[in-house]
């Protein structure tokens, strides 16, 4: 029989044995054959992972981030803030950084796993679950080989010569226009990836990125509240700023993070202590919290959301047997005539070999 719950269909089979009910439930019964066929290409676990991300995971995660963002925005807009407002803002900011960090790691892992599947036929789920080097991924994406990696990740042709092994009877003009579209789509992904990577790739050895903040925050090193400790807190500021404003700005509005010094910040003695005794050298970072910073974090989340959905949809389509190339085409990168030529080619099943 079928049961409808919250607008979801479930196929249910049950029987009674030894006064116990044995129940087998299959969600989305209309998709059984589609799922089974696709799992033969990607494997059950990998398709399970991508299917879940595609239908609910990515949207739900971004929605939850927006809840944090909107709540932060509401509290930030209050003119006469109490100490509770400041504390709430600090916690919300820290929670957004932590959520951003998990999103950065998740996206790096799935991109690397997809690349490994494409070039080495490895299982996506197995690679994804074992992955642990997001900083290495984002560094590699911004390197000279990053463009090629992006084409491998998103299953895009790596050279113009590949087009005649994908399509049949292409004219010279079609090849040129199609390749222009592939390069434009690749450049769009490159630009977005480079924008995302600013959250994790250090400009200098001792600079603190959002990802560094995440790694400190997830271990509970923040926030630290300097306004609650009877310890001198030095502030260097212009003469005309009143003391009350300085206290609010530096001791209540800013986030204070206690953390181990980064490798580029340690002295020789501190580095030796770390290497031999595994002892940290405490340091403090003061993060100014304002809407511009939070807006930048939201932009990174939205950029990942945009590419993540495109990537997962691409692999599910491939697993279901589609040969179609999927391109991201934004107005301004290509003319309307060029977009029409490209769409007529990539949307026509008869043009594929």
C-alpha atoms as a PDB file:
ATOM      1  CA  UNK A   1       0.000   0.000   0.000  1.00  0.00           C
ATOM      2  CA  UNK A   2       1.005   3.670  -0.272  1.00  0.00           C
ATOM      3  CA  UNK A   3       0.866   6.238   2.524  1.00  0.00           C
ATOM      4  CA  UNK A   4       0.995  10.006   1.991  1.00  0.00           C
ATOM      5  CA  UNK A   5       2.742  11.916   4.815  1.00  0.00           C
ATOM      6  CA  UNK A   6       3.570  15.642   4.533  1.00  0.00           C
ATOM      7  CA  UNK A   7       2.999  15.369   0.765  1.00  0.00           C
ATOM      8  CA  UNK A   8       5.574  12.555   0.491  1.00  0.00           C
ATOM      9  CA  UNK A   9       4.609   9.194  -0.911  1.00  0.00           C
ATOM     10  CA  UNK A  10       5.754   6.019   0.872  1.00  0.00           C
ATOM     11  CA  UNK A  11       5.316   2.471  -0.381  1.00  0.00           C
ATOM     12  CA  UNK A  12       4.742   0.253   2.643  1.00  0.00           C
ATOM     13  CA  UNK A  13       4.813  -3.516   2.976  1.00  0.00           C
ATOM     14  CA  UNK A  14       4.153  -5.149   6.339  1.00  0.00           C
ATOM     15  CA  UNK A  15       3.470  -8.529   7.886  1.00  0.00           C
ATOM     16  CA  UNK A  16       2.911  -9.907  11.380  1.00  0.00           C
ATOM     17  CA  UNK A  17       5.303 -12.519  12.728  1.00  0.00           C
ATOM     18  CA  UNK A  18       5.513 -13.685  16.341  1.00  0.00           C
ATOM     19  CA  UNK A  19       3.277 -10.804  17.400  1.00  0.00           C
ATOM     20  CA  UNK A  20       5.743  -8.326  15.907  1.00  0.00           C
ATOM     21  CA  UNK A  21       5.183  -6.163  12.851  1.00  0.00           C
ATOM     22  CA  UNK A  22       7.856  -6.212  10.146  1.00  0.00           C
ATOM     23  CA  UNK A  23       7.587  -3.091   8.004  1.00  0.00           C
ATOM     24  CA  UNK A  24       9.499  -2.161   4.842  1.00  0.00           C
ATOM     25  CA  UNK A  25       9.163   1.439   3.719  1.00  0.00           C
ATOM     26  CA  UNK A  26      10.290   2.809   0.338  1.00  0.00           C
ATOM     27  CA  UNK A  27      10.090   6.614  -0.115  1.00  0.00           C
ATOM     28  CA  UNK A  28       9.449   8.044  -3.595  1.00  0.00           C
ATOM     29  CA  UNK A  29       8.227   4.740  -5.094  1.00  0.00           C
ATOM     30  CA  UNK A  30       7.904   6.392  -8.504  1.00  0.00           C
ATOM     31  CA  UNK A  31      11.684   6.925  -8.516  1.00  0.00           C
ATOM     32  CA  UNK A  32      12.754   3.357  -7.669  1.00  0.00           C
ATOM     33  CA  UNK A  33      13.882   2.420 -11.182  1.00  0.00           C
ATOM     34  CA  UNK A  34      15.518   5.796 -11.751  1.00  0.00           C
ATOM     35  CA  UNK A  35      17.499   5.518  -8.500  1.00  0.00           C
ATOM     36  CA  UNK A  36      18.550   1.906  -9.095  1.00  0.00           C
ATOM     37  CA  UNK A  37      19.811   2.665 -12.609  1.00  0.00           C
ATOM     38  CA  UNK A  38      21.771   5.715 -11.459  1.00  0.00           C
ATOM     39  CA  UNK A  39      23.299   3.806  -8.532  1.00  0.00           C
ATOM     40  CA  UNK A  40      24.870   1.372 -11.008  1.00  0.00           C
ATOM     41  CA  UNK A  41      26.949   4.272 -12.321  1.00  0.00           C
ATOM     42  CA  UNK A  42      27.910   6.051  -9.084  1.00  0.00           C
ATOM     43  CA  UNK A  43      27.322   3.301  -6.522  1.00  0.00           C
ATOM     44  CA  UNK A  44      24.579   3.167  -3.882  1.00  0.00           C
ATOM     45  CA  UNK A  45      26.350   5.197  -1.174  1.00  0.00           C
ATOM     46  CA  UNK A  46      27.569   7.899  -3.567  1.00  0.00           C
ATOM     47  CA  UNK A  47      24.160   8.358  -5.152  1.00  0.00           C
ATOM     48  CA  UNK A  48      22.555   8.345  -1.697  1.00  0.00           C
ATOM     49  CA  UNK A  49      24.928  11.166  -0.692  1.00  0.00           C
ATOM     50  CA  UNK A  50      24.383  13.298  -3.808  1.00  0.00           C
ATOM     51  CA  UNK A  51      20.628  12.615  -3.999  1.00  0.00           C
ATOM     52  CA  UNK A  52      20.153  13.795  -0.400  1.00  0.00           C
ATOM     53  CA  UNK A  53      22.250  16.906  -0.965  1.00  0.00           C
ATOM     54  CA  UNK A  54      20.426  17.743  -4.200  1.00  0.00           C
ATOM     55  CA  UNK A  55      16.864  17.460  -2.927  1.00  0.00           C
ATOM     56  CA  UNK A  56      17.168  18.834   0.595  1.00  0.00           C
ATOM     57  CA  UNK A  57      20.656  19.166   2.077  1.00  0.00           C
ATOM     58  CA  UNK A  58      22.022  22.197   0.236  1.00  0.00           C
ATOM     59  CA  UNK A  59      18.812  24.236   0.383  1.00  0.00           C
ATOM     60  CA  UNK A  60      18.185  23.446   4.042  1.00  0.00           C
ATOM     61  CA  UNK A  61      21.731  24.313   5.061  1.00  0.00           C
ATOM     62  CA  UNK A  62      21.585  27.674   3.290  1.00  0.00           C
ATOM     63  CA  UNK A  63      18.170  28.366   4.813  1.00  0.00           C
ATOM     64  CA  UNK A  64      19.544  27.753   8.312  1.00  0.00           C
ATOM     65  CA  UNK A  65      22.416  30.147   7.635  1.00  0.00           C
ATOM     66  CA  UNK A  66      19.912  32.783   6.551  1.00  0.00           C
ATOM     67  CA  UNK A  67      18.073  32.345   9.881  1.00  0.00           C
ATOM     68  CA  UNK A  68      21.313  33.207  11.691  1.00  0.00           C
ATOM     69  CA  UNK A  69      22.002  36.112   9.324  1.00  0.00           C
ATOM     70  CA  UNK A  70      18.504  37.598   9.608  1.00  0.00           C
ATOM     71  CA  UNK A  71      18.575  37.319  13.410  1.00  0.00           C
ATOM     72  CA  UNK A  72      21.987  39.019  13.489  1.00  0.00           C
ATOM     73  CA  UNK A  73      20.693  41.790  11.214  1.00  0.00           C
ATOM     74  CA  UNK A  74      17.671  42.352  13.465  1.00  0.00           C
ATOM     75  CA  UNK A  75      19.823  42.658  16.596  1.00  0.00           C
ATOM     76  CA  UNK A  76      22.466  44.771  14.876  1.00  0.00           C
ATOM     77  CA  UNK A  77      19.860  47.339  13.792  1.00  0.00           C
ATOM     78  CA  UNK A  78      18.784  48.025  17.402  1.00  0.00           C
ATOM     79  CA  UNK A  79      20.098  51.477  18.322  1.00  0.00           C
ATOM     80  CA  UNK A  80      20.083  51.222  22.121  1.00  0.00           C
ATOM     81  CA  UNK A  81      21.686  47.842  22.711  1.00  0.00           C
ATOM     82  CA  UNK A  82      21.817  46.154  26.105  1.00  0.00           C
ATOM     83  CA  UNK A  83      24.565  43.754  27.146  1.00  0.00           C
ATOM     84  CA  UNK A  84      22.281  40.890  26.090  1.00  0.00           C
ATOM     85  CA  UNK A  85      22.150  42.288  22.553  1.00  0.00           C
ATOM     86  CA  UNK A  86      25.957  42.453  22.377  1.00  0.00           C
ATOM     87  CA  UNK A  87      26.323  38.934  23.723  1.00  0.00           C
ATOM     88  CA  UNK A  88      23.732  37.635  21.259  1.00  0.00           C
ATOM     89  CA  UNK A  89      25.505  39.358  18.364  1.00  0.00           C
ATOM     90  CA  UNK A  90      28.804  37.762  19.370  1.00  0.00           C
ATOM     91  CA  UNK A  91      27.283  34.294  19.606  1.00  0.00           C
ATOM     92  CA  UNK A  92      25.439  34.684  16.285  1.00  0.00           C
ATOM     93  CA  UNK A  93      28.626  35.865  14.582  1.00  0.00           C
ATOM     94  CA  UNK A  94      30.581  32.909  15.990  1.00  0.00           C
ATOM     95  CA  UNK A  95      27.842  30.486  14.915  1.00  0.00           C
ATOM     96  CA  UNK A  96      27.887  31.912  11.375  1.00  0.00           C
ATOM     97  CA  UNK A  97      31.666  31.474  11.199  1.00  0.00           C
ATOM     98  CA  UNK A  98      31.357  27.873  12.405  1.00  0.00           C
ATOM     99  CA  UNK A  99      28.608  27.126   9.894  1.00  0.00           C
ATOM    100  CA  UNK A 100      30.669  28.768   7.128  1.00  0.00           C
ATOM    101  CA  UNK A 101      33.642  26.581   8.065  1.00  0.00           C
ATOM    102  CA  UNK A 102      31.613  23.386   7.776  1.00  0.00           C
ATOM    103  CA  UNK A 103      30.241  24.563   4.414  1.00  0.00           C
ATOM    104  CA  UNK A 104      33.763  25.303   3.132  1.00  0.00           C
ATOM    105  CA  UNK A 105      34.943  21.844   4.212  1.00  0.00           C
ATOM    106  CA  UNK A 106      31.888  20.108   2.773  1.00  0.00           C
ATOM    107  CA  UNK A 107      32.231  21.821  -0.606  1.00  0.00           C
ATOM    108  CA  UNK A 108      35.975  21.153  -0.835  1.00  0.00           C
ATOM    109  CA  UNK A 109      35.416  17.486  -0.015  1.00  0.00           C
ATOM    110  CA  UNK A 110      32.673  16.949  -2.578  1.00  0.00           C
ATOM    111  CA  UNK A 111      34.620  18.800  -5.301  1.00  0.00           C
ATOM    112  CA  UNK A 112      37.731  16.708  -4.647  1.00  0.00           C
ATOM    113  CA  UNK A 113      35.678  13.497  -4.570  1.00  0.00           C
ATOM    114  CA  UNK A 114      33.981  14.347  -7.879  1.00  0.00           C
ATOM    115  CA  UNK A 115      37.350  15.073  -9.478  1.00  0.00           C
ATOM    116  CA  UNK A 116      38.725  11.737  -8.238  1.00  0.00           C
ATOM    117  CA  UNK A 117      35.688   9.957  -9.686  1.00  0.00           C
ATOM    118  CA  UNK A 118      36.104  11.675 -13.040  1.00  0.00           C
ATOM    119  CA  UNK A 119      39.830  11.091 -13.535  1.00  0.00           C
ATOM    120  CA  UNK A 120      40.447   7.946 -11.428  1.00  0.00           C
ATOM    121  CA  UNK A 121      36.975   6.327 -11.258  1.00  0.00           C
ATOM    122  CA  UNK A 122      37.038   6.380  -7.445  1.00  0.00           C
ATOM    123  CA  UNK A 123      33.867   6.103  -5.373  1.00  0.00           C
ATOM    124  CA  UNK A 124      32.606   9.596  -4.494  1.00  0.00           C
ATOM    125  CA  UNK A 125      31.295   8.692  -1.034  1.00  0.00           C
ATOM    126  CA  UNK A 126      34.483   6.845  -0.042  1.00  0.00           C
ATOM    127  CA  UNK A 127      36.708   9.763  -1.098  1.00  0.00           C
ATOM    128  CA  UNK A 128      34.403  12.365   0.443  1.00  0.00           C
ATOM    129  CA  UNK A 129      34.201  10.684   3.843  1.00  0.00           C
ATOM    130  CA  UNK A 130      38.001  10.311   4.045  1.00  0.00           C
ATOM    131  CA  UNK A 131      38.820  13.837   2.841  1.00  0.00           C
ATOM    132  CA  UNK A 132      40.588  16.140   5.311  1.00  0.00           C
ATOM    133  CA  UNK A 133      42.503  18.854   3.437  1.00  0.00           C
ATOM    134  CA  UNK A 134      40.178  21.721   2.457  1.00  0.00           C
ATOM    135  CA  UNK A 135      42.995  24.278   2.669  1.00  0.00           C
ATOM    136  CA  UNK A 136      45.015  22.216   0.188  1.00  0.00           C
ATOM    137  CA  UNK A 137      42.039  22.074  -2.168  1.00  0.00           C
ATOM    138  CA  UNK A 138      41.386  25.823  -2.189  1.00  0.00           C
ATOM    139  CA  UNK A 139      45.115  26.520  -2.608  1.00  0.00           C
ATOM    140  CA  UNK A 140      45.236  24.166  -5.600  1.00  0.00           C
ATOM    141  CA  UNK A 141      42.139  25.747  -7.154  1.00  0.00           C
ATOM    142  CA  UNK A 142      43.819  29.169  -7.133  1.00  0.00           C
ATOM    143  CA  UNK A 143      47.056  27.776  -8.634  1.00  0.00           C
ATOM    144  CA  UNK A 144      47.958  27.666 -12.325  1.00  0.00           C
ATOM    145  CA  UNK A 145      46.428  24.197 -12.604  1.00  0.00           C
ATOM    146  CA  UNK A 146      43.180  25.318 -11.021  1.00  0.00           C
ATOM    147  CA  UNK A 147      41.368  25.876 -14.320  1.00  0.00           C
ATOM    148  CA  UNK A 148      42.018  22.308 -15.449  1.00  0.00           C
ATOM    149  CA  UNK A 149      40.874  20.930 -12.095  1.00  0.00           C
ATOM    150  CA  UNK A 150      37.640  22.888 -12.344  1.00  0.00           C
ATOM    151  CA  UNK A 151      36.910  21.340 -15.745  1.00  0.00           C
ATOM    152  CA  UNK A 152      37.561  17.890 -14.283  1.00  0.00           C
ATOM    153  CA  UNK A 153      35.351  18.535 -11.261  1.00  0.00           C
ATOM    154  CA  UNK A 154      32.419  19.851 -13.306  1.00  0.00           C
ATOM    155  CA  UNK A 155      32.881  17.351 -16.174  1.00  0.00           C
ATOM    156  CA  UNK A 156      33.630  19.992 -18.798  1.00  0.00           C
ATOM    157  CA  UNK A 157      35.690  19.293 -21.951  1.00  0.00           C
ATOM    158  CA  UNK A 158      39.359  20.079 -21.274  1.00  0.00           C
ATOM    159  CA  UNK A 159      40.291  20.919 -24.861  1.00  0.00           C
ATOM    160  CA  UNK A 160      38.662  22.005 -28.103  1.00  0.00           C
ATOM    161  CA  UNK A 161      39.685  18.692 -29.648  1.00  0.00           C
ATOM    162  CA  UNK A 162      37.437  16.831 -27.219  1.00  0.00           C
ATOM    163  CA  UNK A 163      34.320  18.342 -28.790  1.00  0.00           C
ATOM    164  CA  UNK A 164      34.438  16.077 -31.851  1.00  0.00           C
ATOM    165  CA  UNK A 165      34.557  13.072 -29.496  1.00  0.00           C
ATOM    166  CA  UNK A 166      31.394  14.269 -27.755  1.00  0.00           C
ATOM    167  CA  UNK A 167      29.296  15.689 -30.617  1.00  0.00           C
ATOM    168  CA  UNK A 168      28.777  14.663 -34.219  1.00  0.00           C
ATOM    169  CA  UNK A 169      28.825  16.789 -37.360  1.00  0.00           C
ATOM    170  CA  UNK A 170      29.953  20.026 -35.726  1.00  0.00           C
ATOM    171  CA  UNK A 171      30.750  22.842 -38.132  1.00  0.00           C
ATOM    172  CA  UNK A 172      33.868  24.940 -37.571  1.00  0.00           C
ATOM    173  CA  UNK A 173      31.682  27.838 -36.446  1.00  0.00           C
ATOM    174  CA  UNK A 174      29.777  25.610 -33.991  1.00  0.00           C
ATOM    175  CA  UNK A 175      33.078  24.357 -32.547  1.00  0.00           C
ATOM    176  CA  UNK A 176      34.322  27.906 -32.007  1.00  0.00           C
ATOM    177  CA  UNK A 177      31.074  29.131 -30.429  1.00  0.00           C
ATOM    178  CA  UNK A 178      30.681  26.023 -28.269  1.00  0.00           C
ATOM    179  CA  UNK A 179      34.270  26.275 -27.051  1.00  0.00           C
ATOM    180  CA  UNK A 180      33.749  29.961 -26.270  1.00  0.00           C
ATOM    181  CA  UNK A 181      30.745  28.986 -24.145  1.00  0.00           C
ATOM    182  CA  UNK A 182      32.724  26.295 -22.315  1.00  0.00           C
ATOM    183  CA  UNK A 183      35.544  28.750 -21.597  1.00  0.00           C
ATOM    184  CA  UNK A 184      33.069  31.417 -20.430  1.00  0.00           C
ATOM    185  CA  UNK A 185      31.326  28.931 -18.131  1.00  0.00           C
ATOM    186  CA  UNK A 186      34.703  27.765 -16.809  1.00  0.00           C
ATOM    187  CA  UNK A 187      35.798  31.354 -16.185  1.00  0.00           C
ATOM    188  CA  UNK A 188      32.610  32.044 -14.253  1.00  0.00           C
ATOM    189  CA  UNK A 189      33.332  29.046 -12.017  1.00  0.00           C
ATOM    190  CA  UNK A 190      36.999  30.088 -11.685  1.00  0.00           C
ATOM    191  CA  UNK A 191      35.999  33.595 -10.597  1.00  0.00           C
ATOM    192  CA  UNK A 192      33.474  32.258  -8.091  1.00  0.00           C
ATOM    193  CA  UNK A 193      35.959  29.702  -6.737  1.00  0.00           C
ATOM    194  CA  UNK A 194      38.605  32.394  -6.316  1.00  0.00           C
ATOM    195  CA  UNK A 195      36.089  34.537  -4.442  1.00  0.00           C
ATOM    196  CA  UNK A 196      35.263  31.600  -2.157  1.00  0.00           C
ATOM    197  CA  UNK A 197      38.939  30.804  -1.604  1.00  0.00           C
ATOM    198  CA  UNK A 198      39.560  34.196   0.037  1.00  0.00           C
ATOM    199  CA  UNK A 199      37.795  32.735   3.079  1.00  0.00           C
ATOM    200  CA  UNK A 200      40.419  30.028   3.481  1.00  0.00           C
ATOM    201  CA  UNK A 201      43.646  30.953   1.644  1.00  0.00           C
ATOM    202  CA  UNK A 202      45.937  33.241   3.650  1.00  0.00           C
ATOM    203  CA  UNK A 203      47.286  36.299   1.859  1.00  0.00           C
ATOM    204  CA  UNK A 204      50.220  36.229   4.285  1.00  0.00           C
ATOM    205  CA  UNK A 205      51.499  33.466   6.574  1.00  0.00           C
ATOM    206  CA  UNK A 206      50.274  35.219   9.704  1.00  0.00           C
ATOM    207  CA  UNK A 207      46.959  36.542   8.388  1.00  0.00           C
ATOM    208  CA  UNK A 208      43.717  35.217   9.897  1.00  0.00           C
ATOM    209  CA  UNK A 209      41.071  33.944   7.469  1.00  0.00           C
ATOM    210  CA  UNK A 210      37.452  32.994   8.174  1.00  0.00           C
ATOM    211  CA  UNK A 211      38.612  29.371   8.079  1.00  0.00           C
ATOM    212  CA  UNK A 212      41.253  30.044  10.726  1.00  0.00           C
ATOM    213  CA  UNK A 213      38.543  31.681  12.833  1.00  0.00           C
ATOM    214  CA  UNK A 214      36.370  28.591  12.344  1.00  0.00           C
ATOM    215  CA  UNK A 215      39.153  26.253  13.471  1.00  0.00           C
ATOM    216  CA  UNK A 216      39.607  28.285  16.643  1.00  0.00           C
ATOM    217  CA  UNK A 217      35.922  28.757  17.361  1.00  0.00           C
ATOM    218  CA  UNK A 218      34.977  25.093  16.953  1.00  0.00           C
ATOM    219  CA  UNK A 219      37.300  24.256  19.863  1.00  0.00           C
ATOM    220  CA  UNK A 220      35.541  26.764  22.112  1.00  0.00           C
ATOM    221  CA  UNK A 221      38.221  29.479  22.236  1.00  0.00           C
ATOM    222  CA  UNK A 222      35.710  32.275  21.678  1.00  0.00           C
ATOM    223  CA  UNK A 223      34.225  34.521  22.423  1.00  0.00           C
ATOM    224  CA  UNK A 224      36.402  35.778  25.250  1.00  0.00           C
ATOM    225  CA  UNK A 225      34.835  38.740  27.088  1.00  0.00           C
ATOM    226  CA  UNK A 226      37.436  41.398  27.957  1.00  0.00           C
ATOM    227  CA  UNK A 227      34.769  43.614  29.554  1.00  0.00           C
ATOM    228  CA  UNK A 228      34.162  40.931  32.196  1.00  0.00           C
ATOM    229  CA  UNK A 229      37.785  40.494  33.370  1.00  0.00           C
ATOM    230  CA  UNK A 230      39.448  42.864  35.879  1.00  0.00           C
ATOM    231  CA  UNK A 231      42.563  43.117  33.705  1.00  0.00           C
ATOM    232  CA  UNK A 232      43.980  46.269  32.053  1.00  0.00           C
ATOM    233  CA  UNK A 233      42.865  46.516  28.427  1.00  0.00           C
ATOM    234  CA  UNK A 234      44.964  49.000  26.411  1.00  0.00           C
ATOM    235  CA  UNK A 235      43.281  50.911  23.571  1.00  0.00           C
ATOM    236  CA  UNK A 236      45.085  53.211  21.144  1.00  0.00           C
ATOM    237  CA  UNK A 237      42.646  55.555  19.407  1.00  0.00           C
ATOM    238  CA  UNK A 238      42.224  59.121  18.108  1.00  0.00           C
ATOM    239  CA  UNK A 239      41.902  61.788  20.815  1.00  0.00           C
ATOM    240  CA  UNK A 240      38.437  62.968  19.787  1.00  0.00           C
ATOM    241  CA  UNK A 241      36.689  59.610  20.372  1.00  0.00           C
ATOM    242  CA  UNK A 242      34.953  59.529  23.804  1.00  0.00           C
ATOM    243  CA  UNK A 243      35.956  56.803  26.248  1.00  0.00           C
ATOM    244  CA  UNK A 244      32.427  55.384  26.341  1.00  0.00           C
ATOM    245  CA  UNK A 245      32.487  54.773  22.576  1.00  0.00           C
ATOM    246  CA  UNK A 246      35.921  53.155  22.821  1.00  0.00           C
ATOM    247  CA  UNK A 247      34.761  50.752  25.515  1.00  0.00           C
ATOM    248  CA  UNK A 248      31.673  49.805  23.509  1.00  0.00           C
ATOM    249  CA  UNK A 249      33.623  49.338  20.280  1.00  0.00           C
ATOM    250  CA  UNK A 250      36.671  47.446  21.504  1.00  0.00           C
ATOM    251  CA  UNK A 251      35.310  45.532  24.476  1.00  0.00           C
ATOM    252  CA  UNK A 252      31.664  44.776  23.633  1.00  0.00           C
ATOM    253  CA  UNK A 253      31.074  45.129  19.896  1.00  0.00           C
ATOM    254  CA  UNK A 254      34.227  43.315  18.745  1.00  0.00           C
ATOM    255  CA  UNK A 255      34.775  39.569  18.984  1.00  0.00           C
ATOM    256  CA  UNK A 256      37.826  38.515  20.987  1.00  0.00           C
ATOM    257  CA  UNK A 257      39.310  35.120  20.105  1.00  0.00           C
ATOM    258  CA  UNK A 258      41.955  33.349  22.176  1.00  0.00           C
ATOM    259  CA  UNK A 259      43.983  31.003  19.980  1.00  0.00           C
ATOM    260  CA  UNK A 260      47.334  29.364  19.465  1.00  0.00           C
ATOM    261  CA  UNK A 261      49.670  31.522  17.405  1.00  0.00           C
ATOM    262  CA  UNK A 262      49.766  30.678  13.710  1.00  0.00           C
ATOM    263  CA  UNK A 263      53.027  29.188  12.394  1.00  0.00           C
ATOM    264  CA  UNK A 264      54.098  32.519  10.899  1.00  0.00           C
ATOM    265  CA  UNK A 265      53.534  34.279  14.228  1.00  0.00           C
ATOM    266  CA  UNK A 266      55.617  32.090  16.545  1.00  0.00           C
ATOM    267  CA  UNK A 267      59.133  32.948  17.676  1.00  0.00           C
ATOM    268  CA  UNK A 268      61.854  30.292  17.390  1.00  0.00           C
ATOM    269  CA  UNK A 269      61.433  29.372  21.063  1.00  0.00           C
ATOM    270  CA  UNK A 270      57.652  29.225  20.742  1.00  0.00           C
ATOM    271  CA  UNK A 271      57.902  27.023  17.665  1.00  0.00           C
ATOM    272  CA  UNK A 272      60.295  24.652  19.467  1.00  0.00           C
ATOM    273  CA  UNK A 273      57.916  24.465  22.430  1.00  0.00           C
ATOM    274  CA  UNK A 274      55.086  23.622  20.054  1.00  0.00           C
ATOM    275  CA  UNK A 275      57.114  20.989  18.149  1.00  0.00           C
ATOM    276  CA  UNK A 276      58.630  19.238  21.164  1.00  0.00           C
ATOM    277  CA  UNK A 277      56.033  19.633  23.915  1.00  0.00           C
ATOM    278  CA  UNK A 278      52.887  20.306  21.862  1.00  0.00           C
ATOM    279  CA  UNK A 279      52.273  23.431  23.929  1.00  0.00           C
ATOM    280  CA  UNK A 280      50.560  26.432  22.397  1.00  0.00           C
ATOM    281  CA  UNK A 281      51.451  30.089  22.754  1.00  0.00           C
ATOM    282  CA  UNK A 282      48.192  31.928  23.529  1.00  0.00           C
ATOM    283  CA  UNK A 283      47.385  34.947  21.394  1.00  0.00           C
ATOM    284  CA  UNK A 284      44.334  37.155  20.982  1.00  0.00           C
ATOM    285  CA  UNK A 285      42.646  38.280  17.773  1.00  0.00           C
ATOM    286  CA  UNK A 286      40.070  41.053  17.807  1.00  0.00           C
ATOM    287  CA  UNK A 287      37.489  40.765  15.059  1.00  0.00           C
ATOM    288  CA  UNK A 288      35.384  43.796  14.248  1.00  0.00           C
ATOM    289  CA  UNK A 289      31.774  42.732  13.869  1.00  0.00           C
ATOM    290  CA  UNK A 290      29.634  44.737  11.477  1.00  0.00           C
ATOM    291  CA  UNK A 291      27.128  44.139   8.711  1.00  0.00           C
ATOM    292  CA  UNK A 292      29.735  44.416   5.955  1.00  0.00           C
ATOM    293  CA  UNK A 293      31.706  41.507   7.419  1.00  0.00           C
ATOM    294  CA  UNK A 294      28.581  39.410   7.888  1.00  0.00           C
ATOM    295  CA  UNK A 295      27.484  40.329   4.357  1.00  0.00           C
ATOM    296  CA  UNK A 296      30.804  39.008   3.013  1.00  0.00           C
ATOM    297  CA  UNK A 297      30.238  35.732   4.836  1.00  0.00           C
ATOM    298  CA  UNK A 298      26.734  35.484   3.353  1.00  0.00           C
ATOM    299  CA  UNK A 299      28.169  36.123  -0.131  1.00  0.00           C
ATOM    300  CA  UNK A 300      30.590  33.210   0.267  1.00  0.00           C
ATOM    301  CA  UNK A 301      27.771  30.931   1.427  1.00  0.00           C
ATOM    302  CA  UNK A 302      25.615  31.961  -1.542  1.00  0.00           C
ATOM    303  CA  UNK A 303      28.505  31.417  -3.979  1.00  0.00           C
ATOM    304  CA  UNK A 304      29.050  27.890  -2.658  1.00  0.00           C
ATOM    305  CA  UNK A 305      25.299  27.240  -2.720  1.00  0.00           C
ATOM    306  CA  UNK A 306      25.178  28.282  -6.388  1.00  0.00           C
ATOM    307  CA  UNK A 307      28.072  26.056  -7.492  1.00  0.00           C
ATOM    308  CA  UNK A 308      27.161  23.160  -5.198  1.00  0.00           C
ATOM    309  CA  UNK A 309      23.667  22.808  -6.673  1.00  0.00           C
ATOM    310  CA  UNK A 310      25.052  22.957 -10.198  1.00  0.00           C
ATOM    311  CA  UNK A 311      27.725  20.347  -9.409  1.00  0.00           C
ATOM    312  CA  UNK A 312      25.442  17.809  -7.720  1.00  0.00           C
ATOM    313  CA  UNK A 313      22.765  18.160 -10.407  1.00  0.00           C
ATOM    314  CA  UNK A 314      25.487  17.570 -13.020  1.00  0.00           C
ATOM    315  CA  UNK A 315      26.556  14.266 -11.437  1.00  0.00           C
ATOM    316  CA  UNK A 316      23.043  12.966 -10.873  1.00  0.00           C
ATOM    317  CA  UNK A 317      22.236  13.723 -14.502  1.00  0.00           C
ATOM    318  CA  UNK A 318      25.416  11.914 -15.588  1.00  0.00           C
ATOM    319  CA  UNK A 319      24.550   8.910 -13.379  1.00  0.00           C
ATOM    320  CA  UNK A 320      21.122   8.738 -14.986  1.00  0.00           C
ATOM    321  CA  UNK A 321      22.737   8.314 -18.382  1.00  0.00           C
ATOM    322  CA  UNK A 322      22.552  11.840 -19.738  1.00  0.00           C
ATOM    323  CA  UNK A 323      25.407  12.780 -22.071  1.00  0.00           C
ATOM    324  CA  UNK A 324      24.435  16.439 -22.045  1.00  0.00           C
ATOM    325  CA  UNK A 325      26.994  19.086 -21.182  1.00  0.00           C
ATOM    326  CA  UNK A 326      25.689  21.631 -18.684  1.00  0.00           C
ATOM    327  CA  UNK A 327      27.033  25.180 -18.889  1.00  0.00           C
ATOM    328  CA  UNK A 328      26.598  28.231 -16.687  1.00  0.00           C
ATOM    329  CA  UNK A 329      25.802  31.091 -19.033  1.00  0.00           C
ATOM    330  CA  UNK A 330      25.415  34.559 -17.563  1.00  0.00           C
ATOM    331  CA  UNK A 331      24.255  37.550 -19.568  1.00  0.00           C
ATOM    332  CA  UNK A 332      27.232  39.563 -20.784  1.00  0.00           C
ATOM    333  CA  UNK A 333      29.597  36.621 -21.204  1.00  0.00           C
ATOM    334  CA  UNK A 334      28.044  35.577 -24.520  1.00  0.00           C
ATOM    335  CA  UNK A 335      25.787  37.224 -27.082  1.00  0.00           C
ATOM    336  CA  UNK A 336      22.186  36.065 -27.439  1.00  0.00           C
ATOM    337  CA  UNK A 337      22.998  34.486 -30.831  1.00  0.00           C
ATOM    338  CA  UNK A 338      25.932  32.582 -29.325  1.00  0.00           C
ATOM    339  CA  UNK A 339      23.800  31.342 -26.427  1.00  0.00           C
ATOM    340  CA  UNK A 340      21.132  30.154 -28.837  1.00  0.00           C
ATOM    341  CA  UNK A 341      23.698  28.256 -30.961  1.00  0.00           C
ATOM    342  CA  UNK A 342      25.140  26.596 -27.843  1.00  0.00           C
ATOM    343  CA  UNK A 343      21.747  25.632 -26.406  1.00  0.00           C
ATOM    344  CA  UNK A 344      20.631  24.173 -29.748  1.00  0.00           C
ATOM    345  CA  UNK A 345      23.698  21.923 -29.669  1.00  0.00           C
ATOM    346  CA  UNK A 346      23.889  20.824 -26.026  1.00  0.00           C
ATOM    347  CA  UNK A 347      20.115  20.310 -25.607  1.00  0.00           C
ATOM    348  CA  UNK A 348      19.773  18.136 -28.736  1.00  0.00           C
ATOM    349  CA  UNK A 349      20.277  14.447 -27.850  1.00  0.00           C
ATOM    350  CA  UNK A 350      20.829  13.664 -31.533  1.00  0.00           C
ATOM    351  CA  UNK A 351      23.987  15.785 -31.619  1.00  0.00           C
ATOM    352  CA  UNK A 352      25.791  13.567 -29.095  1.00  0.00           C
ATOM    353  CA  UNK A 353      27.847  10.554 -30.184  1.00  0.00           C
END
